[in-house]
Protein backbone atom coordinates (compact mmCIF):
# COMPACT_ATOMS: atom_id res chain seq x y z
CA UNK A 1 44.53 110.45 89.78
CA UNK A 2 41.09 109.08 87.73
CA UNK A 3 37.92 111.27 86.75
CA UNK A 4 34.60 109.74 86.39
CA UNK A 5 31.76 111.24 84.25
CA UNK A 6 28.64 109.92 83.18
CA UNK A 7 30.05 106.13 83.57
CA UNK A 8 33.06 106.87 81.79
CA UNK A 9 36.63 106.52 83.59
CA UNK A 10 39.65 108.46 82.88
CA UNK A 11 43.00 106.06 81.84
CA UNK A 12 46.31 107.44 82.95
CA UNK A 13 46.97 111.48 82.73
CA UNK A 14 50.17 112.25 80.61
CA UNK A 15 52.04 115.93 81.64
CA UNK A 16 53.84 117.07 78.47
CA UNK A 17 56.23 119.99 80.26
CA UNK A 18 57.27 121.45 76.93
CA UNK A 19 53.42 122.46 76.03
CA UNK A 20 52.78 122.69 80.04
CA UNK A 21 49.54 120.42 79.17
CA UNK A 22 47.85 117.14 80.60
CA UNK A 23 46.17 114.93 78.81
CA UNK A 24 44.72 111.28 78.57
CA UNK A 25 41.88 109.28 77.08
CA UNK A 26 38.90 107.09 78.68
CA UNK A 27 39.95 103.86 79.98
CA UNK A 28 38.17 100.72 79.11
CA UNK A 29 36.94 101.26 75.38
CA UNK A 30 37.74 100.33 72.32
CA UNK A 31 36.73 103.86 70.92
CA UNK A 32 39.53 106.79 71.47
CA UNK A 33 37.68 109.82 73.75
CA UNK A 34 41.11 112.13 73.98
CA UNK A 35 40.74 115.01 76.58
CA UNK A 36 43.62 117.48 77.45
CA UNK A 37 43.87 121.00 79.57
CA UNK A 38 46.48 123.17 80.83
CA UNK A 39 45.15 122.85 84.17
CA UNK A 40 43.00 121.20 87.09
CA UNK A 41 39.59 122.89 85.51
CA UNK A 42 40.73 123.30 81.83
CA UNK A 43 41.34 119.02 82.01
CA UNK A 44 38.19 118.72 83.73
CA UNK A 45 36.10 120.56 81.51
CA UNK A 46 38.23 118.88 78.40
CA UNK A 47 37.16 115.36 80.10
CA UNK A 48 33.97 116.15 80.46
CA UNK A 49 33.39 118.13 76.89
CA UNK A 50 34.60 114.84 74.97
CA UNK A 51 32.49 112.14 76.37
CA UNK A 52 29.50 114.88 75.74
CA UNK A 53 30.88 115.35 72.47
CA UNK A 54 31.84 111.53 71.92
CA UNK A 55 27.84 110.71 73.16
CA UNK A 56 26.19 113.40 71.03
CA UNK A 57 28.51 111.65 67.42
CA UNK A 58 27.09 108.22 68.49
CA UNK A 59 23.66 109.61 68.69
CA UNK A 60 23.59 111.55 65.79
CA UNK A 61 24.50 108.49 63.91
CA UNK A 62 22.47 106.38 65.43
CA UNK A 63 25.51 104.15 67.13
CA UNK A 64 25.27 102.60 70.25
CA UNK A 65 28.33 104.55 72.42
CA UNK A 66 31.26 102.20 73.83
CA UNK A 67 30.73 101.54 77.47
CA UNK A 68 33.55 101.23 79.72
CA UNK A 69 32.43 98.38 81.66
CA UNK A 70 29.49 96.35 81.56
CA UNK A 71 30.46 94.32 84.78
CA UNK A 72 30.20 91.00 83.26
CA UNK A 73 33.64 89.20 83.04
CA UNK A 74 35.10 85.49 81.84
CA UNK A 75 37.49 84.22 84.58
CA UNK A 76 39.60 81.50 83.52
CA UNK A 77 40.98 78.98 86.77
CA UNK A 78 42.19 75.62 86.67
CA UNK A 79 39.37 73.19 87.28
CA UNK A 80 41.28 73.16 91.54
CA UNK A 81 40.60 76.94 91.83
CA UNK A 82 37.63 77.16 90.31
CA UNK A 83 36.06 74.05 92.52
CA UNK A 84 37.56 76.02 96.02
CA UNK A 85 36.05 79.45 95.17
CA UNK A 86 32.70 78.09 94.45
CA UNK A 87 32.88 75.79 97.54
CA UNK A 88 33.59 79.09 99.41
CA UNK A 89 31.03 81.05 98.33
CA UNK A 90 28.21 77.82 98.56
CA UNK A 91 29.32 77.95 102.38
CA UNK A 92 28.54 81.99 102.58
CA UNK A 93 25.35 80.97 101.04
CA UNK A 94 26.09 83.21 98.03
CA UNK A 95 26.57 83.07 93.88
CA UNK A 96 30.06 82.03 92.42
CA UNK A 97 29.68 85.59 90.74
CA UNK A 98 28.98 87.33 93.97
CA UNK A 99 31.65 86.22 96.11
CA UNK A 100 34.34 86.93 93.19
CA UNK A 101 32.95 90.27 93.09
CA UNK A 102 33.31 90.45 97.28
CA UNK A 103 37.12 89.36 96.83
CA UNK A 104 37.93 91.96 94.31
CA UNK A 105 36.02 94.94 96.67
CA UNK A 106 38.14 93.23 99.00
CA UNK A 107 41.22 94.19 97.33
CA UNK A 108 43.78 96.89 98.58
């Protein structure tokens, strides 16, 4: 299960049976945004509240908030694999970036 709010996505959610609470962090950031709750609504409210608080603190400090994913990736491959992907993209009349994005989107 993941949650999404303002472009931020939750990472894995853990359950502590001793406390009866769920907790998690926001995925894909160098900064740590933690949230927790005793049930589904509490967890959702905490997730959103933690992100809102993080964004407010960044604004207050004049700091640009860390963004989870920019959409830019550096992919390292062998020259043969690079050539194969580029030729397939060209055959489909699209850029290599568009072709890679389609392959990722089609993955189960």
